[in-house]
Protein backbone atom coordinates (compact mmCIF):
# COMPACT_ATOMS: atom_id res chain seq x y z
CA MET A 1 -12.69 -65.46 10.67
CA LEU A 2 -13.92 -65.48 7.49
CA ILE A 3 -14.15 -68.75 5.56
CA MET A 4 -15.31 -68.35 1.92
CA ALA A 5 -15.91 -71.39 -0.26
CA ASP A 6 -16.83 -71.91 -3.75
CA ASP A 7 -19.76 -73.65 -4.66
CA ILE A 8 -21.64 -74.27 -1.42
CA GLY A 9 -24.98 -73.49 -0.07
CA VAL A 10 -26.71 -73.28 2.84
CA GLU A 11 -28.23 -77.14 2.49
CA CYS A 12 -24.61 -77.84 3.17
CA PHE A 13 -24.28 -77.22 6.80
CA SER A 14 -25.57 -79.31 9.35
CA SER A 15 -26.28 -76.16 11.59
CA TYR A 16 -28.45 -74.58 9.01
CA GLY A 17 -30.58 -77.74 8.73
CA GLY A 18 -28.54 -79.65 5.64
CA LYS A 19 -28.79 -83.55 6.78
CA ASP A 20 -26.28 -85.17 4.08
CA THR A 21 -22.64 -84.00 5.18
CA LYS A 22 -21.61 -83.60 9.22
CA THR A 23 -19.96 -80.32 9.72
CA THR A 24 -19.31 -80.71 13.52
CA ASN A 25 -16.20 -77.89 13.57
CA LEU A 26 -18.37 -75.74 11.32
CA ASP A 27 -21.32 -76.00 13.58
CA THR A 28 -19.07 -75.24 16.51
CA LEU A 29 -18.00 -72.14 14.97
CA ALA A 30 -21.62 -71.26 14.28
CA LEU A 31 -22.55 -71.79 18.05
CA SER A 32 -19.70 -69.53 19.23
CA GLY A 33 -19.64 -66.62 16.49
CA LEU A 34 -22.02 -64.98 13.57
CA ARG A 35 -24.60 -66.82 11.79
CA PHE A 36 -26.01 -65.66 8.56
CA THR A 37 -29.73 -66.13 7.85
CA HIS A 38 -30.16 -63.90 4.93
CA CYS A 39 -27.27 -63.49 2.65
CA HIS A 40 -26.97 -62.82 -1.13
CA ALA A 41 -23.80 -63.74 -3.27
CA GLN A 42 -21.96 -62.73 -6.35
CA PRO A 43 -22.68 -65.56 -8.99
CA SER A 44 -19.10 -65.73 -10.11
CA CYS A 45 -16.29 -66.79 -7.32
CA THR A 46 -13.44 -64.18 -8.49
CA PRO A 47 -15.44 -61.08 -8.48
CA SER A 48 -16.65 -62.05 -4.91
CA ARG A 49 -13.08 -62.07 -3.82
CA VAL A 50 -12.26 -58.73 -5.17
CA GLN A 51 -15.47 -57.58 -2.83
CA VAL A 52 -14.52 -59.03 0.25
CA MET A 53 -11.19 -57.78 -0.28
CA SER A 54 -11.78 -54.45 -1.15
CA GLY A 55 -15.17 -54.14 0.76
CA ARG A 56 -16.61 -52.50 -2.38
CA TYR A 57 -19.30 -53.79 -4.21
CA ASN A 58 -18.66 -54.98 -7.40
CA SER A 59 -19.75 -52.45 -9.81
CA ARG A 60 -17.31 -49.82 -7.72
CA ASN A 61 -14.07 -52.38 -7.91
CA TYR A 62 -14.43 -53.81 -11.17
CA GLN A 63 -10.94 -53.41 -13.47
CA GLY A 64 -11.09 -56.52 -15.00
CA PHE A 65 -11.46 -60.28 -14.14
CA GLY A 66 -8.98 -61.18 -10.90
CA TRP A 67 -7.75 -57.62 -11.21
CA LEU A 68 -6.99 -55.58 -7.96
CA ASP A 69 -6.28 -52.24 -8.03
CA PRO A 70 -2.58 -51.38 -6.22
CA LYS A 71 -4.02 -48.34 -4.81
CA GLU A 72 -7.10 -50.27 -3.39
CA VAL A 73 -6.87 -50.41 0.40
CA THR A 74 -8.15 -53.93 1.55
CA VAL A 75 -9.60 -54.87 4.46
CA ALA A 76 -6.33 -56.39 5.16
CA ASN A 77 -4.41 -53.34 5.01
CA LEU A 78 -6.96 -51.91 7.59
CA LEU A 79 -6.60 -54.46 9.75
CA LYS A 80 -2.66 -54.55 9.66
CA LYS A 81 -2.76 -50.80 10.27
CA GLU A 82 -4.58 -51.47 13.48
CA GLY A 83 -1.80 -53.95 14.80
CA TYR A 84 -3.51 -57.36 13.54
CA SER A 85 -1.85 -60.27 11.70
CA THR A 86 -3.55 -60.89 8.18
CA CYS A 87 -3.20 -64.01 6.28
CA ILE A 88 -4.97 -65.03 3.06
CA ALA A 89 -4.45 -69.12 2.34
CA GLY A 90 -6.31 -71.05 -0.73
CA LYS A 91 -7.62 -69.65 -4.22
CA TRP A 92 -7.62 -66.37 -4.21
CA GLN A 93 -6.80 -65.87 -8.51
CA LEU A 94 -6.26 -62.30 -7.91
CA LEU A 95 -3.76 -60.25 -9.43
CA ARG A 96 -2.79 -56.93 -7.87
CA HIS A 97 -0.57 -54.82 -10.47
CA HIS A 98 2.00 -52.54 -9.78
């Protein structure tokens, strides 16, 4: 499972020491899954989404703001080919032109 959120930092999660908000369900996920302790993020949300979908750095995937080349093989394409079910929910702001 991948959860991607905009405008949030490590200080927002109690599992990382944040004190302002209780994040009980996310803390449970952190205990049973992968925890990142050294990360870097793209400071603009839509290019980050293209990067997550394509697995390529933005300098190699950028066609235009919010554009995803229809020939681009995404992580979801690879997972589906191996028999996994995939889903995207929420705000992605990506256009996949045909």
